[in-house]
């Protein structure tokens, strides 16, 4: 287990822990986080389907397709990783064994080189995706900025990130709606990133092995 405390794997481990997908975490903690994540994803899906129920027209259908498609993609990836958690654990166990196999300095240097490359790629990928996400989450506040730059007689209205149906007044309850959507988006992005960078680390590790034995 101490292998995954190393900076090579630390980011991946922390993100997987956050969304309840780390194979070695406490069973109760994993189940709690999984239920929390699934509940959030379902709650967002309900707001999208409810919008179609209250506004059954083609325009509404077109508007909810992107967020619903993204939601299905995230949920599918999360579910597949959860179902495959034993296989993932076996792969992680193999990584631990592989690090104990190498004896020569040359082999260790090769593995470190590929692990450092994987660490760099995961950092760059994670930073890029989270930066884009942050900019996306700030879009609803563009009217506030415009009110400062180009003021009108009255303030521009704030709009939610996605058009949804919460059965409450969106203008009066903008921030609770925004908070819910933001949490869902952050969790969804974290699910995607955690899965992607774990696969990337597996790939870097395998490339290192082939180079070391070649």
C-alpha atoms as a PDB file:
ATOM      1  CA  UNK A   1       0.000   0.000   0.000  1.00  0.00           C
ATOM      2  CA  UNK A   2       2.903   2.394   0.675  1.00  0.00           C
ATOM      3  CA  UNK A   3       3.556   2.344  -3.084  1.00  0.00           C
ATOM      4  CA  UNK A   4       0.412   4.385  -3.666  1.00  0.00           C
ATOM      5  CA  UNK A   5       1.474   6.983  -1.109  1.00  0.00           C
ATOM      6  CA  UNK A   6       4.214   7.975  -3.555  1.00  0.00           C
ATOM      7  CA  UNK A   7       3.671  11.203  -5.560  1.00  0.00           C
ATOM      8  CA  UNK A   8       3.473   9.074  -8.734  1.00  0.00           C
ATOM      9  CA  UNK A   9       0.068   7.781  -7.636  1.00  0.00           C
ATOM     10  CA  UNK A  10      -1.052  10.252  -4.965  1.00  0.00           C
ATOM     11  CA  UNK A  11      -3.338  12.383  -7.162  1.00  0.00           C
ATOM     12  CA  UNK A  12      -5.083   9.359  -8.624  1.00  0.00           C
ATOM     13  CA  UNK A  13      -5.569   7.800  -5.189  1.00  0.00           C
ATOM     14  CA  UNK A  14      -7.026  10.978  -3.687  1.00  0.00           C
ATOM     15  CA  UNK A  15      -9.513  11.522  -6.505  1.00  0.00           C
ATOM     16  CA  UNK A  16     -10.617   7.895  -6.406  1.00  0.00           C
ATOM     17  CA  UNK A  17     -11.017   8.150  -2.630  1.00  0.00           C
ATOM     18  CA  UNK A  18     -13.123  11.277  -3.054  1.00  0.00           C
ATOM     19  CA  UNK A  19     -15.711   9.546  -5.245  1.00  0.00           C
ATOM     20  CA  UNK A  20     -15.610   6.220  -3.396  1.00  0.00           C
ATOM     21  CA  UNK A  21     -13.741   4.245  -6.056  1.00  0.00           C
ATOM     22  CA  UNK A  22     -10.441   3.492  -4.326  1.00  0.00           C
ATOM     23  CA  UNK A  23     -10.336  -0.312  -3.850  1.00  0.00           C
ATOM     24  CA  UNK A  24      -8.465  -0.112  -0.538  1.00  0.00           C
ATOM     25  CA  UNK A  25     -10.688   2.373   1.273  1.00  0.00           C
ATOM     26  CA  UNK A  26     -12.952   1.420   4.159  1.00  0.00           C
ATOM     27  CA  UNK A  27     -16.051  -0.472   2.981  1.00  0.00           C
ATOM     28  CA  UNK A  28     -18.497   1.746   4.897  1.00  0.00           C
ATOM     29  CA  UNK A  29     -16.792   4.905   3.664  1.00  0.00           C
ATOM     30  CA  UNK A  30     -16.859   3.637   0.071  1.00  0.00           C
ATOM     31  CA  UNK A  31     -20.555   2.764   0.241  1.00  0.00           C
ATOM     32  CA  UNK A  32     -21.434   6.091   1.816  1.00  0.00           C
ATOM     33  CA  UNK A  33     -19.572   8.050  -0.852  1.00  0.00           C
ATOM     34  CA  UNK A  34     -21.040   5.901  -3.616  1.00  0.00           C
ATOM     35  CA  UNK A  35     -24.598   6.485  -2.363  1.00  0.00           C
ATOM     36  CA  UNK A  36     -23.909  10.214  -2.085  1.00  0.00           C
ATOM     37  CA  UNK A  37     -22.516  10.417  -5.628  1.00  0.00           C
ATOM     38  CA  UNK A  38     -25.316   8.353  -7.165  1.00  0.00           C
ATOM     39  CA  UNK A  39     -27.944  10.409  -5.302  1.00  0.00           C
ATOM     40  CA  UNK A  40     -26.458  13.636  -6.663  1.00  0.00           C
ATOM     41  CA  UNK A  41     -26.381  12.329 -10.225  1.00  0.00           C
ATOM     42  CA  UNK A  42     -29.959  11.054 -10.004  1.00  0.00           C
ATOM     43  CA  UNK A  43     -31.186  14.330  -8.502  1.00  0.00           C
ATOM     44  CA  UNK A  44     -29.752  16.240 -11.449  1.00  0.00           C
ATOM     45  CA  UNK A  45     -31.305  13.799 -13.903  1.00  0.00           C
ATOM     46  CA  UNK A  46     -34.689  14.332 -12.256  1.00  0.00           C
ATOM     47  CA  UNK A  47     -34.482  18.103 -12.805  1.00  0.00           C
ATOM     48  CA  UNK A  48     -33.784  17.532 -16.499  1.00  0.00           C
ATOM     49  CA  UNK A  49     -36.589  15.025 -17.031  1.00  0.00           C
ATOM     50  CA  UNK A  50     -38.969  17.225 -15.024  1.00  0.00           C
ATOM     51  CA  UNK A  51     -38.200  20.086 -17.399  1.00  0.00           C
ATOM     52  CA  UNK A  52     -39.329  17.952 -20.322  1.00  0.00           C
ATOM     53  CA  UNK A  53     -42.462  17.032 -18.364  1.00  0.00           C
ATOM     54  CA  UNK A  54     -43.406  20.668 -17.715  1.00  0.00           C
ATOM     55  CA  UNK A  55     -42.316  21.910 -21.153  1.00  0.00           C
ATOM     56  CA  UNK A  56     -42.953  19.090 -23.587  1.00  0.00           C
ATOM     57  CA  UNK A  57     -41.663  20.605 -26.809  1.00  0.00           C
ATOM     58  CA  UNK A  58     -38.847  20.023 -29.283  1.00  0.00           C
ATOM     59  CA  UNK A  59     -36.795  23.012 -28.076  1.00  0.00           C
ATOM     60  CA  UNK A  60     -36.767  21.692 -24.515  1.00  0.00           C
ATOM     61  CA  UNK A  61     -35.830  18.222 -25.722  1.00  0.00           C
ATOM     62  CA  UNK A  62     -32.876  19.634 -27.652  1.00  0.00           C
ATOM     63  CA  UNK A  63     -31.765  21.649 -24.605  1.00  0.00           C
ATOM     64  CA  UNK A  64     -31.704  18.692 -22.224  1.00  0.00           C
ATOM     65  CA  UNK A  65     -29.919  16.295 -24.600  1.00  0.00           C
ATOM     66  CA  UNK A  66     -26.346  17.585 -23.838  1.00  0.00           C
ATOM     67  CA  UNK A  67     -26.613  17.491 -20.012  1.00  0.00           C
ATOM     68  CA  UNK A  68     -28.518  14.182 -20.033  1.00  0.00           C
ATOM     69  CA  UNK A  69     -26.018  12.600 -22.410  1.00  0.00           C
ATOM     70  CA  UNK A  70     -23.159  13.779 -20.191  1.00  0.00           C
ATOM     71  CA  UNK A  71     -24.965  12.439 -17.126  1.00  0.00           C
ATOM     72  CA  UNK A  72     -25.459   9.021 -18.731  1.00  0.00           C
ATOM     73  CA  UNK A  73     -21.783   8.913 -19.738  1.00  0.00           C
ATOM     74  CA  UNK A  74     -20.581   9.780 -16.234  1.00  0.00           C
ATOM     75  CA  UNK A  75     -22.993   7.360 -14.552  1.00  0.00           C
ATOM     76  CA  UNK A  76     -21.994   4.559 -16.925  1.00  0.00           C
ATOM     77  CA  UNK A  77     -18.281   5.084 -16.309  1.00  0.00           C
ATOM     78  CA  UNK A  78     -18.817   5.304 -12.548  1.00  0.00           C
ATOM     79  CA  UNK A  79     -20.918   2.131 -12.524  1.00  0.00           C
ATOM     80  CA  UNK A  80     -18.447   0.178 -14.658  1.00  0.00           C
ATOM     81  CA  UNK A  81     -15.558   1.164 -12.400  1.00  0.00           C
ATOM     82  CA  UNK A  82     -17.580   0.160  -9.341  1.00  0.00           C
ATOM     83  CA  UNK A  83     -18.493  -3.203 -10.871  1.00  0.00           C
ATOM     84  CA  UNK A  84     -14.866  -3.764 -11.929  1.00  0.00           C
ATOM     85  CA  UNK A  85     -13.362  -2.676  -8.605  1.00  0.00           C
ATOM     86  CA  UNK A  86     -11.966  -6.169  -7.896  1.00  0.00           C
ATOM     87  CA  UNK A  87     -10.238  -6.261 -11.272  1.00  0.00           C
ATOM     88  CA  UNK A  88      -8.842  -2.783 -10.640  1.00  0.00           C
ATOM     89  CA  UNK A  89      -7.604  -3.910  -7.232  1.00  0.00           C
ATOM     90  CA  UNK A  90      -5.858  -6.881  -8.857  1.00  0.00           C
ATOM     91  CA  UNK A  91      -4.123  -4.542 -11.303  1.00  0.00           C
ATOM     92  CA  UNK A  92      -3.005  -2.309  -8.441  1.00  0.00           C
ATOM     93  CA  UNK A  93      -1.688  -5.370  -6.587  1.00  0.00           C
ATOM     94  CA  UNK A  94       0.333  -6.255  -9.669  1.00  0.00           C
ATOM     95  CA  UNK A  95       1.864  -2.769  -9.679  1.00  0.00           C
ATOM     96  CA  UNK A  96       2.996  -3.314  -6.076  1.00  0.00           C
ATOM     97  CA  UNK A  97       4.553  -6.667  -7.021  1.00  0.00           C
ATOM     98  CA  UNK A  98       6.224  -5.214 -10.100  1.00  0.00           C
ATOM     99  CA  UNK A  99       7.970  -2.512  -8.071  1.00  0.00           C
ATOM    100  CA  UNK A 100       9.425  -5.240  -5.840  1.00  0.00           C
ATOM    101  CA  UNK A 101      10.733  -7.246  -8.792  1.00  0.00           C
ATOM    102  CA  UNK A 102      13.251  -4.768 -10.114  1.00  0.00           C
ATOM    103  CA  UNK A 103      16.776  -5.231  -8.798  1.00  0.00           C
ATOM    104  CA  UNK A 104      19.127  -3.370 -11.124  1.00  0.00           C
ATOM    105  CA  UNK A 105      19.510   0.395 -11.032  1.00  0.00           C
ATOM    106  CA  UNK A 106      18.883   0.576 -14.783  1.00  0.00           C
ATOM    107  CA  UNK A 107      15.492  -1.128 -14.471  1.00  0.00           C
ATOM    108  CA  UNK A 108      14.474   1.099 -11.566  1.00  0.00           C
ATOM    109  CA  UNK A 109      15.534   4.209 -13.476  1.00  0.00           C
ATOM    110  CA  UNK A 110      13.382   3.168 -16.448  1.00  0.00           C
ATOM    111  CA  UNK A 111      10.343   2.564 -14.234  1.00  0.00           C
ATOM    112  CA  UNK A 112      10.866   5.878 -12.452  1.00  0.00           C
ATOM    113  CA  UNK A 113      11.154   7.673 -15.788  1.00  0.00           C
ATOM    114  CA  UNK A 114       7.843   6.303 -17.030  1.00  0.00           C
ATOM    115  CA  UNK A 115       6.160   6.835 -13.663  1.00  0.00           C
ATOM    116  CA  UNK A 116       7.297  10.467 -13.603  1.00  0.00           C
ATOM    117  CA  UNK A 117       5.999  10.888 -17.136  1.00  0.00           C
ATOM    118  CA  UNK A 118       2.650   9.446 -16.050  1.00  0.00           C
ATOM    119  CA  UNK A 119       2.628  11.736 -13.019  1.00  0.00           C
ATOM    120  CA  UNK A 120       3.253  14.789 -15.210  1.00  0.00           C
ATOM    121  CA  UNK A 121       0.567  13.825 -17.728  1.00  0.00           C
ATOM    122  CA  UNK A 122      -2.015  13.227 -15.001  1.00  0.00           C
ATOM    123  CA  UNK A 123      -1.211  16.595 -13.416  1.00  0.00           C
ATOM    124  CA  UNK A 124      -1.474  18.466 -16.726  1.00  0.00           C
ATOM    125  CA  UNK A 125      -4.672  16.669 -17.706  1.00  0.00           C
ATOM    126  CA  UNK A 126      -6.290  17.241 -14.306  1.00  0.00           C
ATOM    127  CA  UNK A 127      -5.261  20.911 -14.220  1.00  0.00           C
ATOM    128  CA  UNK A 128      -6.579  21.526 -17.729  1.00  0.00           C
ATOM    129  CA  UNK A 129      -9.956  19.864 -17.138  1.00  0.00           C
ATOM    130  CA  UNK A 130     -10.513  21.538 -13.761  1.00  0.00           C
ATOM    131  CA  UNK A 131      -9.535  24.927 -15.241  1.00  0.00           C
ATOM    132  CA  UNK A 132     -12.080  24.525 -18.032  1.00  0.00           C
ATOM    133  CA  UNK A 133     -14.665  23.432 -15.487  1.00  0.00           C
ATOM    134  CA  UNK A 134     -14.012  26.513 -13.340  1.00  0.00           C
ATOM    135  CA  UNK A 135     -14.494  28.833 -16.317  1.00  0.00           C
ATOM    136  CA  UNK A 136     -17.701  27.007 -17.191  1.00  0.00           C
ATOM    137  CA  UNK A 137     -19.020  27.387 -13.636  1.00  0.00           C
ATOM    138  CA  UNK A 138     -18.330  31.126 -13.784  1.00  0.00           C
ATOM    139  CA  UNK A 139     -20.453  31.645 -16.915  1.00  0.00           C
ATOM    140  CA  UNK A 140     -23.684  32.392 -14.978  1.00  0.00           C
ATOM    141  CA  UNK A 141     -21.943  35.390 -13.391  1.00  0.00           C
ATOM    142  CA  UNK A 142     -21.090  37.041 -16.703  1.00  0.00           C
ATOM    143  CA  UNK A 143     -24.182  39.310 -16.328  1.00  0.00           C
ATOM    144  CA  UNK A 144     -22.725  40.636 -13.060  1.00  0.00           C
ATOM    145  CA  UNK A 145     -19.488  41.501 -14.844  1.00  0.00           C
ATOM    146  CA  UNK A 146     -21.409  43.106 -17.692  1.00  0.00           C
ATOM    147  CA  UNK A 147     -23.369  45.198 -15.200  1.00  0.00           C
ATOM    148  CA  UNK A 148     -20.060  46.667 -14.062  1.00  0.00           C
ATOM    149  CA  UNK A 149     -18.553  47.119 -17.519  1.00  0.00           C
ATOM    150  CA  UNK A 150     -21.689  48.133 -19.413  1.00  0.00           C
ATOM    151  CA  UNK A 151     -24.342  49.046 -16.830  1.00  0.00           C
ATOM    152  CA  UNK A 152     -28.016  49.172 -17.739  1.00  0.00           C
ATOM    153  CA  UNK A 153     -30.947  50.807 -15.998  1.00  0.00           C
ATOM    154  CA  UNK A 154     -31.561  47.529 -14.205  1.00  0.00           C
ATOM    155  CA  UNK A 155     -29.411  44.540 -13.307  1.00  0.00           C
ATOM    156  CA  UNK A 156     -29.145  41.740 -15.814  1.00  0.00           C
ATOM    157  CA  UNK A 157     -30.820  38.522 -14.615  1.00  0.00           C
ATOM    158  CA  UNK A 158     -28.702  35.584 -13.496  1.00  0.00           C
ATOM    159  CA  UNK A 159     -29.336  32.327 -15.321  1.00  0.00           C
ATOM    160  CA  UNK A 160     -28.549  28.789 -14.095  1.00  0.00           C
ATOM    161  CA  UNK A 161     -25.804  26.765 -15.745  1.00  0.00           C
ATOM    162  CA  UNK A 162     -28.369  24.470 -17.347  1.00  0.00           C
ATOM    163  CA  UNK A 163     -32.036  24.965 -17.944  1.00  0.00           C
ATOM    164  CA  UNK A 164     -33.747  22.704 -15.399  1.00  0.00           C
ATOM    165  CA  UNK A 165     -36.983  22.306 -13.489  1.00  0.00           C
ATOM    166  CA  UNK A 166     -36.721  22.630  -9.716  1.00  0.00           C
ATOM    167  CA  UNK A 167     -40.367  23.657  -9.236  1.00  0.00           C
ATOM    168  CA  UNK A 168     -39.264  26.851  -7.483  1.00  0.00           C
ATOM    169  CA  UNK A 169     -38.671  30.399  -8.644  1.00  0.00           C
ATOM    170  CA  UNK A 170     -35.243  30.392 -10.302  1.00  0.00           C
ATOM    171  CA  UNK A 171     -34.684  34.113  -9.776  1.00  0.00           C
ATOM    172  CA  UNK A 172     -35.392  34.002  -6.050  1.00  0.00           C
ATOM    173  CA  UNK A 173     -33.525  30.740  -5.477  1.00  0.00           C
ATOM    174  CA  UNK A 174     -30.707  31.162  -7.963  1.00  0.00           C
ATOM    175  CA  UNK A 175     -27.864  30.398  -5.547  1.00  0.00           C
ATOM    176  CA  UNK A 176     -29.283  27.128  -4.099  1.00  0.00           C
ATOM    177  CA  UNK A 177     -29.919  25.939  -7.669  1.00  0.00           C
ATOM    178  CA  UNK A 178     -26.452  27.055  -8.739  1.00  0.00           C
ATOM    179  CA  UNK A 179     -24.881  25.331  -5.736  1.00  0.00           C
ATOM    180  CA  UNK A 180     -26.633  22.038  -6.529  1.00  0.00           C
ATOM    181  CA  UNK A 181     -25.618  22.156 -10.190  1.00  0.00           C
ATOM    182  CA  UNK A 182     -22.051  23.105  -9.319  1.00  0.00           C
ATOM    183  CA  UNK A 183     -21.658  20.203  -6.894  1.00  0.00           C
ATOM    184  CA  UNK A 184     -23.023  17.786  -9.497  1.00  0.00           C
ATOM    185  CA  UNK A 185     -20.650  19.121 -12.157  1.00  0.00           C
ATOM    186  CA  UNK A 186     -17.607  18.992  -9.856  1.00  0.00           C
ATOM    187  CA  UNK A 187     -18.412  15.412  -8.834  1.00  0.00           C
ATOM    188  CA  UNK A 188     -19.087  14.375 -12.445  1.00  0.00           C
ATOM    189  CA  UNK A 189     -15.812  15.870 -13.654  1.00  0.00           C
ATOM    190  CA  UNK A 190     -13.940  14.241 -10.769  1.00  0.00           C
ATOM    191  CA  UNK A 191     -15.410  10.856 -11.723  1.00  0.00           C
ATOM    192  CA  UNK A 192     -14.221  11.250 -15.305  1.00  0.00           C
ATOM    193  CA  UNK A 193     -10.772  12.513 -14.320  1.00  0.00           C
ATOM    194  CA  UNK A 194     -10.189   9.844 -11.664  1.00  0.00           C
ATOM    195  CA  UNK A 195     -11.046   7.083 -14.134  1.00  0.00           C
ATOM    196  CA  UNK A 196      -8.983   8.565 -16.953  1.00  0.00           C
ATOM    197  CA  UNK A 197      -5.817   9.212 -14.963  1.00  0.00           C
ATOM    198  CA  UNK A 198      -5.915   5.752 -13.389  1.00  0.00           C
ATOM    199  CA  UNK A 199      -5.977   4.207 -16.864  1.00  0.00           C
ATOM    200  CA  UNK A 200      -3.212   6.594 -17.896  1.00  0.00           C
ATOM    201  CA  UNK A 201      -1.065   5.454 -14.960  1.00  0.00           C
ATOM    202  CA  UNK A 202      -1.694   1.817 -15.865  1.00  0.00           C
ATOM    203  CA  UNK A 203      -0.583   2.613 -19.401  1.00  0.00           C
ATOM    204  CA  UNK A 204       2.611   4.352 -18.221  1.00  0.00           C
ATOM    205  CA  UNK A 205       3.404   1.448 -15.910  1.00  0.00           C
ATOM    206  CA  UNK A 206       2.969  -1.140 -18.676  1.00  0.00           C
ATOM    207  CA  UNK A 207       5.119   0.914 -21.069  1.00  0.00           C
ATOM    208  CA  UNK A 208       7.808   1.057 -18.399  1.00  0.00           C
ATOM    209  CA  UNK A 209       7.699  -2.726 -17.956  1.00  0.00           C
ATOM    210  CA  UNK A 210       8.064  -3.405 -21.684  1.00  0.00           C
ATOM    211  CA  UNK A 211      10.988  -1.003 -21.889  1.00  0.00           C
ATOM    212  CA  UNK A 212      12.683  -2.487 -18.815  1.00  0.00           C
ATOM    213  CA  UNK A 213      12.411  -6.085 -20.005  1.00  0.00           C
ATOM    214  CA  UNK A 214      13.213  -5.182 -23.624  1.00  0.00           C
END
